[in-house]
Amino acid sequence: MIIAVDGPAASGKGTLASGLARHYQLPYLDTGLLYRAVGRAVEAFEDAVDFEQRAIQAARSLDAGDIEPEFLQSTRIGSMASKVAVIGDVRKALFDYQRSFATQAGGAVLDGRDIGTTIAPESDVKLFIQADSKARMERRARQFEARGQVVDRYALYHQIEERDARDMLNPNGGFYKADDAHLLDTTLLDIEAALRAAIAIVDGTMAGKAGR
């Protein structure tokens, strides 16, 4: 069973995807970490004339050892991730990694921006997670504050809005809800309620397919 979980930053898709992976005992990949790892690798060269080439090389040479979640969660790295994600050859370099993970024996859960539309369009279940910008800002702010960071909520809100715009207009993989994806709005849901809703969607979808 392949489960695709897509949606914008801080919508809760990562938490839900990892929860679904635990529930169904499937391997899980946060594909956003791949782009964050590439963004972190070229952060110092953001204004360099060869920025794109550096990003492409970083993507092509990326391995599992480069993916260290604890160092990839800042808003700054998130911004860099969306900048490298608009580079077509970066996306091509990371496509095979994601595709291989999705199609491994037994299935998998992946979350990102284009899992259900590009990486694994044949996914058994597709979810598109959304939440309004204010709710997403507050969630991300609490995450940072839990790590002892001082948060400027006004700036964080606008960073989220800007990243949404950049991601959605990305000519090499702008994200959108697949026609057969199930929409789950988490604005008013806590994690437990959202996970229950996601599990119900997966179970209902698989039961429907089994009954055909």
N, C-alpha and C. Protein backbone atom coordinates (compact mmCIF):
# COMPACT_ATOMS: atom_id res chain seq x y z
N MET A 1 0.84 -1.19 0.00
CA MET A 1 0.00 0.00 0.00
C MET A 1 0.88 1.25 0.00
N ILE A 2 0.66 2.12 -0.95
CA ILE A 2 1.37 3.39 -1.01
C ILE A 2 0.42 4.49 -0.58
N ILE A 3 0.84 5.28 0.39
CA ILE A 3 0.04 6.40 0.87
C ILE A 3 0.80 7.69 0.58
N ALA A 4 0.19 8.58 -0.18
CA ALA A 4 0.78 9.88 -0.51
C ALA A 4 0.12 10.96 0.32
N VAL A 5 0.94 11.76 1.00
CA VAL A 5 0.42 12.84 1.84
C VAL A 5 1.05 14.14 1.38
N ASP A 6 0.25 15.00 0.76
CA ASP A 6 0.75 16.27 0.25
C ASP A 6 0.12 17.44 0.97
N GLY A 7 0.74 18.62 0.81
CA GLY A 7 0.18 19.83 1.40
C GLY A 7 1.26 20.86 1.67
N PRO A 8 0.86 22.07 2.06
CA PRO A 8 1.81 23.15 2.31
C PRO A 8 2.56 22.99 3.63
N ALA A 9 3.55 23.82 3.82
CA ALA A 9 4.37 23.80 5.03
C ALA A 9 3.51 24.02 6.27
N ALA A 10 3.81 23.25 7.32
CA ALA A 10 3.19 23.39 8.64
C ALA A 10 1.70 23.07 8.64
N SER A 11 1.24 22.33 7.64
CA SER A 11 -0.17 21.92 7.61
C SER A 11 -0.42 20.73 8.52
N GLY A 12 0.66 20.08 8.93
CA GLY A 12 0.54 18.88 9.76
C GLY A 12 0.76 17.60 8.99
N LYS A 13 1.13 17.73 7.71
CA LYS A 13 1.25 16.53 6.86
C LYS A 13 2.36 15.59 7.33
N GLY A 14 3.47 16.13 7.83
CA GLY A 14 4.57 15.29 8.29
C GLY A 14 4.18 14.48 9.51
N THR A 15 3.53 15.13 10.46
CA THR A 15 3.09 14.43 11.67
C THR A 15 2.07 13.36 11.33
N LEU A 16 1.14 13.69 10.42
CA LEU A 16 0.14 12.71 10.02
C LEU A 16 0.76 11.56 9.25
N ALA A 17 1.68 11.87 8.34
CA ALA A 17 2.31 10.82 7.55
C ALA A 17 3.09 9.86 8.44
N SER A 18 3.85 10.38 9.39
CA SER A 18 4.61 9.50 10.29
C SER A 18 3.66 8.69 11.17
N GLY A 19 2.52 9.29 11.56
CA GLY A 19 1.53 8.55 12.35
C GLY A 19 0.89 7.43 11.54
N LEU A 20 0.60 7.71 10.27
CA LEU A 20 0.04 6.67 9.40
C LEU A 20 1.05 5.54 9.19
N ALA A 21 2.31 5.91 9.04
CA ALA A 21 3.35 4.90 8.86
C ALA A 21 3.44 3.96 10.07
N ARG A 22 3.36 4.55 11.25
CA ARG A 22 3.38 3.72 12.47
C ARG A 22 2.14 2.83 12.53
N HIS A 23 0.99 3.41 12.23
CA HIS A 23 -0.27 2.67 12.33
C HIS A 23 -0.30 1.48 11.39
N TYR A 24 0.16 1.69 10.16
CA TYR A 24 0.10 0.62 9.16
C TYR A 24 1.43 -0.12 9.01
N GLN A 25 2.39 0.22 9.88
CA GLN A 25 3.70 -0.43 9.89
C GLN A 25 4.35 -0.40 8.50
N LEU A 26 4.44 0.81 7.96
CA LEU A 26 5.05 1.04 6.66
C LEU A 26 6.26 1.95 6.80
N PRO A 27 7.26 1.81 5.94
CA PRO A 27 8.39 2.75 5.96
C PRO A 27 7.91 4.14 5.55
N TYR A 28 8.57 5.17 6.08
CA TYR A 28 8.12 6.55 5.89
C TYR A 28 9.26 7.43 5.41
N LEU A 29 8.95 8.29 4.43
CA LEU A 29 9.93 9.27 3.94
C LEU A 29 9.32 10.66 3.92
N ASP A 30 9.97 11.57 4.63
CA ASP A 30 9.63 13.00 4.56
C ASP A 30 10.46 13.57 3.41
N THR A 31 9.85 13.70 2.24
CA THR A 31 10.61 14.12 1.07
C THR A 31 11.09 15.56 1.17
N GLY A 32 10.42 16.35 2.00
CA GLY A 32 10.86 17.73 2.18
C GLY A 32 12.26 17.81 2.75
N LEU A 33 12.65 16.79 3.53
CA LEU A 33 13.99 16.78 4.10
C LEU A 33 15.06 16.68 3.02
N LEU A 34 14.73 16.04 1.90
CA LEU A 34 15.69 15.95 0.80
C LEU A 34 16.01 17.34 0.28
N TYR A 35 14.96 18.13 0.07
CA TYR A 35 15.16 19.49 -0.44
C TYR A 35 15.80 20.38 0.62
N ARG A 36 15.45 20.15 1.88
CA ARG A 36 16.08 20.92 2.96
C ARG A 36 17.57 20.61 3.05
N ALA A 37 17.93 19.35 2.86
CA ALA A 37 19.34 18.97 2.91
C ALA A 37 20.11 19.64 1.78
N VAL A 38 19.51 19.69 0.60
CA VAL A 38 20.15 20.37 -0.52
C VAL A 38 20.24 21.87 -0.23
N GLY A 39 19.17 22.44 0.28
CA GLY A 39 19.17 23.87 0.61
C GLY A 39 20.22 24.22 1.64
N ARG A 40 20.36 23.37 2.65
CA ARG A 40 21.39 23.61 3.67
C ARG A 40 22.78 23.53 3.07
N ALA A 41 22.98 22.61 2.11
CA ALA A 41 24.30 22.42 1.52
C ALA A 41 24.76 23.64 0.73
N VAL A 42 23.79 24.41 0.19
CA VAL A 42 24.17 25.55 -0.65
C VAL A 42 23.76 26.89 -0.02
N GLU A 43 23.40 26.87 1.25
CA GLU A 43 22.95 28.08 1.92
C GLU A 43 23.95 29.22 1.81
N ALA A 44 25.23 28.91 1.94
CA ALA A 44 26.26 29.94 1.91
C ALA A 44 26.47 30.54 0.52
N PHE A 45 25.88 29.91 -0.49
CA PHE A 45 26.08 30.35 -1.87
C PHE A 45 24.81 30.91 -2.49
N GLU A 46 23.88 31.34 -1.64
CA GLU A 46 22.58 31.79 -2.13
C GLU A 46 22.68 32.89 -3.18
N ASP A 47 23.64 33.79 -3.02
CA ASP A 47 23.78 34.92 -3.95
C ASP A 47 24.87 34.70 -5.00
N ALA A 48 25.44 33.50 -5.02
CA ALA A 48 26.51 33.22 -5.98
C ALA A 48 25.95 33.04 -7.39
N VAL A 49 26.74 33.40 -8.39
CA VAL A 49 26.28 33.29 -9.77
C VAL A 49 26.09 31.82 -10.18
N ASP A 50 26.79 30.91 -9.50
CA ASP A 50 26.66 29.50 -9.85
C ASP A 50 25.79 28.74 -8.84
N PHE A 51 24.87 29.47 -8.20
CA PHE A 51 24.01 28.86 -7.18
C PHE A 51 23.27 27.64 -7.72
N GLU A 52 22.67 27.76 -8.88
CA GLU A 52 21.90 26.65 -9.43
C GLU A 52 22.77 25.42 -9.66
N GLN A 53 23.95 25.62 -10.22
CA GLN A 53 24.83 24.49 -10.48
C GLN A 53 25.27 23.82 -9.18
N ARG A 54 25.52 24.64 -8.16
CA ARG A 54 25.89 24.08 -6.85
C ARG A 54 24.75 23.25 -6.28
N ALA A 55 23.52 23.77 -6.43
CA ALA A 55 22.36 23.06 -5.91
C ALA A 55 22.15 21.74 -6.65
N ILE A 56 22.32 21.77 -7.96
CA ILE A 56 22.17 20.54 -8.75
C ILE A 56 23.20 19.50 -8.33
N GLN A 57 24.45 19.94 -8.15
CA GLN A 57 25.49 19.02 -7.72
C GLN A 57 25.21 18.46 -6.33
N ALA A 58 24.71 19.31 -5.44
CA ALA A 58 24.39 18.85 -4.09
C ALA A 58 23.28 17.81 -4.14
N ALA A 59 22.29 18.01 -5.00
CA ALA A 59 21.19 17.05 -5.13
C ALA A 59 21.68 15.73 -5.70
N ARG A 60 22.55 15.80 -6.67
CA ARG A 60 23.05 14.58 -7.32
C ARG A 60 23.94 13.76 -6.39
N SER A 61 24.59 14.43 -5.44
CA SER A 61 25.50 13.73 -4.54
C SER A 61 24.89 13.43 -3.18
N LEU A 62 23.61 13.75 -3.01
CA LEU A 62 22.95 13.56 -1.71
C LEU A 62 22.86 12.07 -1.36
N ASP A 63 23.15 11.75 -0.10
CA ASP A 63 22.92 10.38 0.37
C ASP A 63 22.23 10.45 1.72
N ALA A 64 21.80 9.30 2.21
CA ALA A 64 21.01 9.24 3.44
C ALA A 64 21.72 9.88 4.62
N GLY A 65 23.06 9.84 4.62
CA GLY A 65 23.82 10.43 5.71
C GLY A 65 23.73 11.94 5.78
N ASP A 66 23.29 12.57 4.67
CA ASP A 66 23.15 14.02 4.65
C ASP A 66 21.84 14.48 5.27
N ILE A 67 20.94 13.53 5.53
CA ILE A 67 19.61 13.89 6.02
C ILE A 67 19.60 13.80 7.53
N GLU A 68 19.80 14.93 8.17
CA GLU A 68 19.82 15.02 9.63
C GLU A 68 18.69 15.96 10.07
N PRO A 69 17.51 15.40 10.36
CA PRO A 69 16.33 16.22 10.62
C PRO A 69 16.53 17.32 11.65
N GLU A 70 17.31 17.04 12.68
CA GLU A 70 17.47 18.04 13.75
C GLU A 70 18.16 19.31 13.27
N PHE A 71 18.87 19.25 12.16
CA PHE A 71 19.57 20.43 11.65
C PHE A 71 18.86 21.05 10.44
N LEU A 72 17.68 20.55 10.13
CA LEU A 72 17.02 20.97 8.90
C LEU A 72 15.65 21.60 9.12
N GLN A 73 15.32 21.96 10.35
CA GLN A 73 13.96 22.38 10.65
C GLN A 73 13.74 23.89 10.72
N SER A 74 14.77 24.67 10.57
CA SER A 74 14.60 26.12 10.71
C SER A 74 13.82 26.72 9.54
N THR A 75 13.22 27.89 9.80
CA THR A 75 12.52 28.61 8.74
C THR A 75 13.47 28.98 7.62
N ARG A 76 14.69 29.34 7.97
CA ARG A 76 15.70 29.70 6.98
C ARG A 76 15.98 28.54 6.03
N ILE A 77 16.15 27.34 6.57
CA ILE A 77 16.40 26.18 5.73
C ILE A 77 15.16 25.84 4.90
N GLY A 78 13.98 26.07 5.47
CA GLY A 78 12.75 25.85 4.72
C GLY A 78 12.67 26.77 3.51
N SER A 79 13.09 28.02 3.70
CA SER A 79 13.11 28.98 2.60
C SER A 79 14.11 28.55 1.53
N MET A 80 15.28 28.08 1.97
CA MET A 80 16.28 27.60 1.01
C MET A 80 15.77 26.37 0.26
N ALA A 81 15.02 25.52 0.94
CA ALA A 81 14.47 24.34 0.30
C ALA A 81 13.54 24.72 -0.85
N SER A 82 12.70 25.72 -0.63
CA SER A 82 11.78 26.11 -1.69
C SER A 82 12.51 26.79 -2.84
N LYS A 83 13.67 27.38 -2.57
CA LYS A 83 14.46 28.01 -3.64
C LYS A 83 15.15 26.97 -4.51
N VAL A 84 15.66 25.91 -3.91
CA VAL A 84 16.30 24.89 -4.73
C VAL A 84 15.26 24.01 -5.42
N ALA A 85 14.06 23.95 -4.84
CA ALA A 85 13.02 23.10 -5.41
C ALA A 85 12.49 23.61 -6.75
N VAL A 86 12.72 24.88 -7.07
CA VAL A 86 12.26 25.41 -8.36
C VAL A 86 13.25 25.11 -9.48
N ILE A 87 14.37 24.50 -9.14
CA ILE A 87 15.40 24.17 -10.14
C ILE A 87 15.08 22.79 -10.71
N GLY A 88 14.77 22.74 -12.00
CA GLY A 88 14.33 21.50 -12.63
C GLY A 88 15.28 20.34 -12.44
N ASP A 89 16.58 20.57 -12.59
CA ASP A 89 17.54 19.48 -12.47
C ASP A 89 17.72 19.01 -11.04
N VAL A 90 17.39 19.85 -10.06
CA VAL A 90 17.39 19.39 -8.67
C VAL A 90 16.26 18.39 -8.48
N ARG A 91 15.09 18.73 -8.99
CA ARG A 91 13.95 17.84 -8.86
C ARG A 91 14.20 16.51 -9.59
N LYS A 92 14.82 16.60 -10.76
CA LYS A 92 15.14 15.37 -11.50
C LYS A 92 16.11 14.50 -10.72
N ALA A 93 17.09 15.13 -10.08
CA ALA A 93 18.10 14.38 -9.33
C ALA A 93 17.49 13.65 -8.13
N LEU A 94 16.45 14.25 -7.54
CA LEU A 94 15.84 13.65 -6.35
C LEU A 94 14.67 12.73 -6.69
N PHE A 95 14.22 12.77 -7.93
CA PHE A 95 13.05 11.98 -8.32
C PHE A 95 13.28 10.49 -8.11
N ASP A 96 14.39 9.96 -8.60
CA ASP A 96 14.64 8.52 -8.52
C ASP A 96 14.68 8.03 -7.08
N TYR A 97 15.29 8.84 -6.20
CA TYR A 97 15.37 8.47 -4.78
C TYR A 97 13.96 8.29 -4.22
N GLN A 98 13.11 9.26 -4.49
CA GLN A 98 11.74 9.23 -3.97
C GLN A 98 10.93 8.10 -4.61
N ARG A 99 11.11 7.94 -5.91
CA ARG A 99 10.35 6.93 -6.64
C ARG A 99 10.70 5.53 -6.16
N SER A 100 11.98 5.29 -5.94
CA SER A 100 12.41 3.98 -5.45
C SER A 100 11.84 3.69 -4.07
N PHE A 101 11.81 4.71 -3.23
CA PHE A 101 11.26 4.54 -1.88
C PHE A 101 9.77 4.20 -1.96
N ALA A 102 9.06 4.93 -2.82
CA ALA A 102 7.61 4.74 -2.92
C ALA A 102 7.24 3.37 -3.43
N THR A 103 8.04 2.82 -4.33
CA THR A 103 7.67 1.57 -5.00
C THR A 103 8.33 0.34 -4.39
N GLN A 104 8.93 0.48 -3.22
CA GLN A 104 9.56 -0.69 -2.59
C GLN A 104 8.51 -1.73 -2.23
N ALA A 105 8.93 -2.96 -2.12
CA ALA A 105 8.02 -4.06 -1.80
C ALA A 105 7.30 -3.80 -0.49
N GLY A 106 6.00 -3.98 -0.49
CA GLY A 106 5.21 -3.80 0.72
C GLY A 106 4.58 -2.44 0.86
N GLY A 107 5.10 -1.45 0.10
CA GLY A 107 4.52 -0.12 0.15
C GLY A 107 5.27 0.84 1.05
N ALA A 108 4.74 2.04 1.16
CA ALA A 108 5.41 3.10 1.93
C ALA A 108 4.46 4.26 2.12
N VAL A 109 4.85 5.16 3.02
CA VAL A 109 4.15 6.43 3.21
C VAL A 109 5.15 7.54 2.90
N LEU A 110 4.76 8.47 2.04
CA LEU A 110 5.62 9.60 1.71
C LEU A 110 4.82 10.88 1.87
N ASP A 111 5.47 11.91 2.39
CA ASP A 111 4.81 13.21 2.41
C ASP A 111 5.66 14.24 1.68
N GLY A 112 5.00 15.22 1.11
CA GLY A 112 5.71 16.25 0.37
C GLY A 112 4.76 17.21 -0.31
N ARG A 113 5.16 17.65 -1.50
CA ARG A 113 4.34 18.59 -2.27
C ARG A 113 3.70 17.93 -3.48
N ASP A 114 4.40 16.95 -4.07
CA ASP A 114 3.93 16.39 -5.34
C ASP A 114 3.97 14.87 -5.36
N ILE A 115 3.74 14.25 -4.21
CA ILE A 115 3.80 12.79 -4.14
C ILE A 115 2.66 12.17 -4.94
N GLY A 116 1.45 12.64 -4.71
CA GLY A 116 0.29 12.07 -5.38
C GLY A 116 0.15 12.47 -6.83
N THR A 117 0.85 13.51 -7.25
CA THR A 117 0.72 13.99 -8.62
C THR A 117 1.90 13.61 -9.50
N THR A 118 3.10 13.50 -8.91
CA THR A 118 4.31 13.29 -9.71
C THR A 118 5.12 12.07 -9.28
N ILE A 119 5.40 11.96 -8.01
CA ILE A 119 6.28 10.89 -7.53
C ILE A 119 5.60 9.54 -7.59
N ALA A 120 4.39 9.45 -7.07
CA ALA A 120 3.67 8.17 -7.04
C ALA A 120 2.20 8.40 -7.37
N PRO A 121 1.90 8.77 -8.62
CA PRO A 121 0.51 9.03 -8.99
C PRO A 121 -0.39 7.80 -8.89
N GLU A 122 0.22 6.61 -8.80
CA GLU A 122 -0.55 5.38 -8.67
C GLU A 122 -0.83 5.03 -7.21
N SER A 123 -0.51 5.93 -6.28
CA SER A 123 -0.70 5.67 -4.84
C SER A 123 -2.09 5.14 -4.55
N ASP A 124 -2.16 4.19 -3.63
CA ASP A 124 -3.45 3.60 -3.26
C ASP A 124 -4.35 4.60 -2.57
N VAL A 125 -3.75 5.45 -1.76
CA VAL A 125 -4.51 6.50 -1.06
C VAL A 125 -3.73 7.80 -1.15
N LYS A 126 -4.44 8.87 -1.50
CA LYS A 126 -3.81 10.19 -1.56
C LYS A 126 -4.56 11.14 -0.63
N LEU A 127 -3.80 11.81 0.20
CA LEU A 127 -4.38 12.83 1.08
C LEU A 127 -3.74 14.17 0.78
N PHE A 128 -4.54 15.21 0.78
CA PHE A 128 -4.01 16.56 0.66
C PHE A 128 -4.41 17.29 1.94
N ILE A 129 -3.39 17.66 2.71
CA ILE A 129 -3.60 18.27 4.02
C ILE A 129 -3.51 19.79 3.89
N GLN A 130 -4.48 20.48 4.44
CA GLN A 130 -4.42 21.94 4.41
C GLN A 130 -4.82 22.51 5.77
N ALA A 131 -4.42 23.76 6.00
CA ALA A 131 -4.79 24.51 7.18
C ALA A 131 -4.56 25.97 6.84
N ASP A 132 -5.28 26.88 7.49
CA ASP A 132 -5.09 28.29 7.12
C ASP A 132 -3.73 28.79 7.60
N SER A 133 -3.27 29.88 6.99
CA SER A 133 -1.91 30.37 7.24
C SER A 133 -1.67 30.74 8.70
N LYS A 134 -2.68 31.31 9.34
CA LYS A 134 -2.51 31.71 10.74
C LYS A 134 -2.29 30.49 11.63
N ALA A 135 -3.07 29.45 11.40
CA ALA A 135 -2.92 28.22 12.20
C ALA A 135 -1.55 27.59 11.96
N ARG A 136 -1.11 27.58 10.71
CA ARG A 136 0.19 26.99 10.39
C ARG A 136 1.33 27.80 11.01
N MET A 137 1.19 29.13 10.98
CA MET A 137 2.20 29.98 11.61
C MET A 137 2.30 29.69 13.10
N GLU A 138 1.15 29.56 13.77
CA GLU A 138 1.16 29.33 15.21
C GLU A 138 1.77 27.98 15.55
N ARG A 139 1.49 26.97 14.75
CA ARG A 139 2.07 25.65 14.99
C ARG A 139 3.59 25.69 14.87
N ARG A 140 4.05 26.33 13.81
CA ARG A 140 5.49 26.40 13.58
C ARG A 140 6.15 27.24 14.67
N ALA A 141 5.51 28.31 15.10
CA ALA A 141 6.05 29.15 16.16
C ALA A 141 6.21 28.36 17.45
N ARG A 142 5.21 27.55 17.79
CA ARG A 142 5.30 26.76 19.01
C ARG A 142 6.42 25.72 18.92
N GLN A 143 6.62 25.16 17.72
CA GLN A 143 7.72 24.22 17.54
C GLN A 143 9.06 24.89 17.82
N PHE A 144 9.25 26.09 17.27
CA PHE A 144 10.50 26.80 17.47
C PHE A 144 10.67 27.20 18.93
N GLU A 145 9.60 27.66 19.56
CA GLU A 145 9.68 28.08 20.97
C GLU A 145 9.99 26.90 21.88
N ALA A 146 9.51 25.71 21.50
CA ALA A 146 9.80 24.52 22.29
C ALA A 146 11.29 24.19 22.25
N ARG A 147 11.97 24.68 21.20
CA ARG A 147 13.42 24.48 21.10
C ARG A 147 14.20 25.63 21.69
N GLY A 148 13.49 26.57 22.32
CA GLY A 148 14.16 27.69 22.96
C GLY A 148 14.43 28.87 22.05
N GLN A 149 13.84 28.88 20.85
CA GLN A 149 14.07 29.96 19.91
C GLN A 149 13.05 31.09 20.11
N VAL A 150 13.51 32.31 19.88
CA VAL A 150 12.61 33.48 19.93
C VAL A 150 11.96 33.61 18.56
N VAL A 151 10.65 33.81 18.54
CA VAL A 151 9.90 33.81 17.29
C VAL A 151 9.23 35.15 17.04
N ASP A 152 9.43 35.68 15.85
CA ASP A 152 8.71 36.86 15.37
C ASP A 152 7.53 36.34 14.56
N ARG A 153 6.35 36.31 15.16
CA ARG A 153 5.19 35.72 14.50
C ARG A 153 4.80 36.46 13.23
N TYR A 154 4.94 37.77 13.22
CA TYR A 154 4.60 38.55 12.03
C TYR A 154 5.49 38.13 10.86
N ALA A 155 6.79 38.04 11.11
CA ALA A 155 7.72 37.65 10.06
C ALA A 155 7.48 36.21 9.63
N LEU A 156 7.20 35.34 10.60
CA LEU A 156 6.97 33.93 10.29
C LEU A 156 5.74 33.75 9.42
N TYR A 157 4.68 34.49 9.72
CA TYR A 157 3.46 34.42 8.92
C TYR A 157 3.74 34.77 7.46
N HIS A 158 4.48 35.84 7.26
CA HIS A 158 4.77 36.28 5.89
C HIS A 158 5.73 35.33 5.19
N GLN A 159 6.63 34.70 5.94
CA GLN A 159 7.51 33.70 5.33
C GLN A 159 6.71 32.51 4.83
N ILE A 160 5.71 32.10 5.60
CA ILE A 160 4.85 30.99 5.19
C ILE A 160 4.06 31.36 3.95
N GLU A 161 3.51 32.58 3.93
CA GLU A 161 2.75 33.04 2.77
C GLU A 161 3.64 33.10 1.52
N GLU A 162 4.84 33.62 1.70
CA GLU A 162 5.77 33.74 0.56
C GLU A 162 6.17 32.35 0.05
N ARG A 163 6.40 31.43 0.96
CA ARG A 163 6.79 30.09 0.53
C ARG A 163 5.64 29.41 -0.20
N ASP A 164 4.42 29.59 0.28
CA ASP A 164 3.27 29.02 -0.42
C ASP A 164 3.22 29.52 -1.86
N ALA A 165 3.40 30.83 -2.02
CA ALA A 165 3.33 31.42 -3.36
C ALA A 165 4.43 30.87 -4.25
N ARG A 166 5.65 30.77 -3.70
CA ARG A 166 6.78 30.26 -4.49
C ARG A 166 6.56 28.80 -4.88
N ASP A 167 6.09 28.01 -3.92
CA ASP A 167 5.88 26.59 -4.19
C ASP A 167 4.78 26.37 -5.23
N MET A 168 3.69 27.11 -5.11
CA MET A 168 2.56 26.89 -5.99
C MET A 168 2.84 27.37 -7.42
N LEU A 169 3.77 28.32 -7.57
CA LEU A 169 4.10 28.82 -8.90
C LEU A 169 5.33 28.14 -9.48
N ASN A 170 5.86 27.17 -8.77
CA ASN A 170 7.06 26.46 -9.21
C ASN A 170 6.82 25.81 -10.57
N PRO A 171 7.51 26.25 -11.62
CA PRO A 171 7.28 25.69 -12.95
C PRO A 171 7.76 24.25 -13.09
N ASN A 172 8.58 23.80 -12.14
CA ASN A 172 9.13 22.45 -12.22
C ASN A 172 8.49 21.50 -11.21
N GLY A 173 7.35 21.88 -10.69
CA GLY A 173 6.70 20.98 -9.74
C GLY A 173 5.82 21.70 -8.74
N GLY A 174 5.09 22.71 -9.23
CA GLY A 174 4.16 23.40 -8.35
C GLY A 174 3.17 22.41 -7.75
N PHE A 175 2.86 22.55 -6.48
CA PHE A 175 2.03 21.53 -5.87
C PHE A 175 0.55 21.91 -5.91
N TYR A 176 -0.27 20.90 -6.04
CA TYR A 176 -1.71 21.09 -6.07
C TYR A 176 -2.36 19.77 -5.70
N LYS A 177 -3.63 19.82 -5.36
CA LYS A 177 -4.36 18.62 -4.97
C LYS A 177 -4.66 17.77 -6.20
N ALA A 178 -4.27 16.50 -6.14
CA ALA A 178 -4.61 15.57 -7.21
C ALA A 178 -6.12 15.39 -7.26
N ASP A 179 -6.64 15.12 -8.43
CA ASP A 179 -8.09 14.98 -8.58
C ASP A 179 -8.67 13.89 -7.69
N ASP A 180 -7.91 12.83 -7.46
CA ASP A 180 -8.41 11.72 -6.64
C ASP A 180 -7.89 11.74 -5.21
N ALA A 181 -7.37 12.90 -4.77
CA ALA A 181 -6.88 13.02 -3.40
C ALA A 181 -8.02 13.41 -2.46
N HIS A 182 -7.92 12.95 -1.23
CA HIS A 182 -8.89 13.29 -0.20
C HIS A 182 -8.41 14.53 0.55
N LEU A 183 -9.23 15.55 0.61
CA LEU A 183 -8.86 16.80 1.29
C LEU A 183 -9.12 16.66 2.79
N LEU A 184 -8.11 17.02 3.59
CA LEU A 184 -8.27 17.01 5.04
C LEU A 184 -7.78 18.34 5.58
N ASP A 185 -8.70 19.13 6.11
CA ASP A 185 -8.36 20.44 6.67
C ASP A 185 -8.12 20.27 8.17
N THR A 186 -6.91 20.61 8.61
CA THR A 186 -6.52 20.40 10.00
C THR A 186 -6.56 21.68 10.83
N THR A 187 -7.11 22.75 10.26
CA THR A 187 -7.10 24.04 10.96
C THR A 187 -7.63 23.94 12.37
N LEU A 188 -8.74 23.23 12.55
CA LEU A 188 -9.40 23.15 13.86
C LEU A 188 -9.20 21.80 14.55
N LEU A 189 -8.29 20.99 14.03
CA LEU A 189 -8.07 19.65 14.59
C LEU A 189 -6.74 19.56 15.34
N ASP A 190 -6.76 18.89 16.49
CA ASP A 190 -5.48 18.58 17.13
C ASP A 190 -4.90 17.34 16.45
N ILE A 191 -3.69 16.97 16.84
CA ILE A 191 -3.00 15.88 16.17
C ILE A 191 -3.78 14.57 16.24
N GLU A 192 -4.32 14.26 17.43
CA GLU A 192 -5.02 13.00 17.60
C GLU A 192 -6.25 12.93 16.70
N ALA A 193 -7.02 14.04 16.66
CA ALA A 193 -8.23 14.06 15.84
C ALA A 193 -7.89 14.00 14.36
N ALA A 194 -6.83 14.70 13.96
CA ALA A 194 -6.42 14.69 12.56
C ALA A 194 -5.96 13.30 12.14
N LEU A 195 -5.21 12.62 13.01
CA LEU A 195 -4.74 11.28 12.68
C LEU A 195 -5.91 10.30 12.58
N ARG A 196 -6.87 10.42 13.48
CA ARG A 196 -8.05 9.56 13.39
C ARG A 196 -8.77 9.77 12.06
N ALA A 197 -8.88 11.02 11.66
CA ALA A 197 -9.55 11.34 10.40
C ALA A 197 -8.77 10.76 9.22
N ALA A 198 -7.45 10.86 9.27
CA ALA A 198 -6.62 10.34 8.18
C ALA A 198 -6.72 8.81 8.10
N ILE A 199 -6.69 8.15 9.24
CA ILE A 199 -6.82 6.69 9.27
C ILE A 199 -8.17 6.27 8.71
N ALA A 200 -9.21 7.01 9.06
CA ALA A 200 -10.56 6.70 8.55
C ALA A 200 -10.60 6.83 7.03
N ILE A 201 -9.91 7.83 6.50
CA ILE A 201 -9.86 8.01 5.05
C ILE A 201 -9.14 6.83 4.39
N VAL A 202 -8.00 6.45 4.95
CA VAL A 202 -7.24 5.33 4.39
C VAL A 202 -8.05 4.04 4.46
N ASP A 203 -8.60 3.74 5.62
CA ASP A 203 -9.38 2.51 5.78
C ASP A 203 -10.58 2.50 4.84
N GLY A 204 -11.27 3.64 4.76
CA GLY A 204 -12.45 3.71 3.89
C GLY A 204 -12.09 3.55 2.42
N THR A 205 -11.00 4.16 2.03
CA THR A 205 -10.56 4.05 0.63
C THR A 205 -10.17 2.64 0.27
N MET A 206 -9.39 2.00 1.14
CA MET A 206 -8.95 0.63 0.87
C MET A 206 -10.12 -0.35 0.90
N ALA A 207 -11.07 -0.12 1.80
CA ALA A 207 -12.24 -0.99 1.86
C ALA A 207 -13.07 -0.84 0.59
N GLY A 208 -13.18 0.39 0.12
CA GLY A 208 -13.92 0.63 -1.12
C GLY A 208 -13.28 -0.05 -2.30
N LYS A 209 -11.95 -0.03 -2.37
CA LYS A 209 -11.25 -0.68 -3.47
C LYS A 209 -11.39 -2.20 -3.39
N ALA A 210 -11.35 -2.72 -2.16
CA ALA A 210 -11.47 -4.17 -1.98
C ALA A 210 -12.85 -4.67 -2.37
N GLY A 211 -13.86 -3.80 -2.22
CA GLY A 211 -15.23 -4.20 -2.51
C GLY A 211 -15.65 -4.06 -3.94
N ARG A 212 -14.75 -3.53 -4.77
CA ARG A 212 -15.10 -3.35 -6.19
C ARG A 212 -15.19 -4.68 -6.93
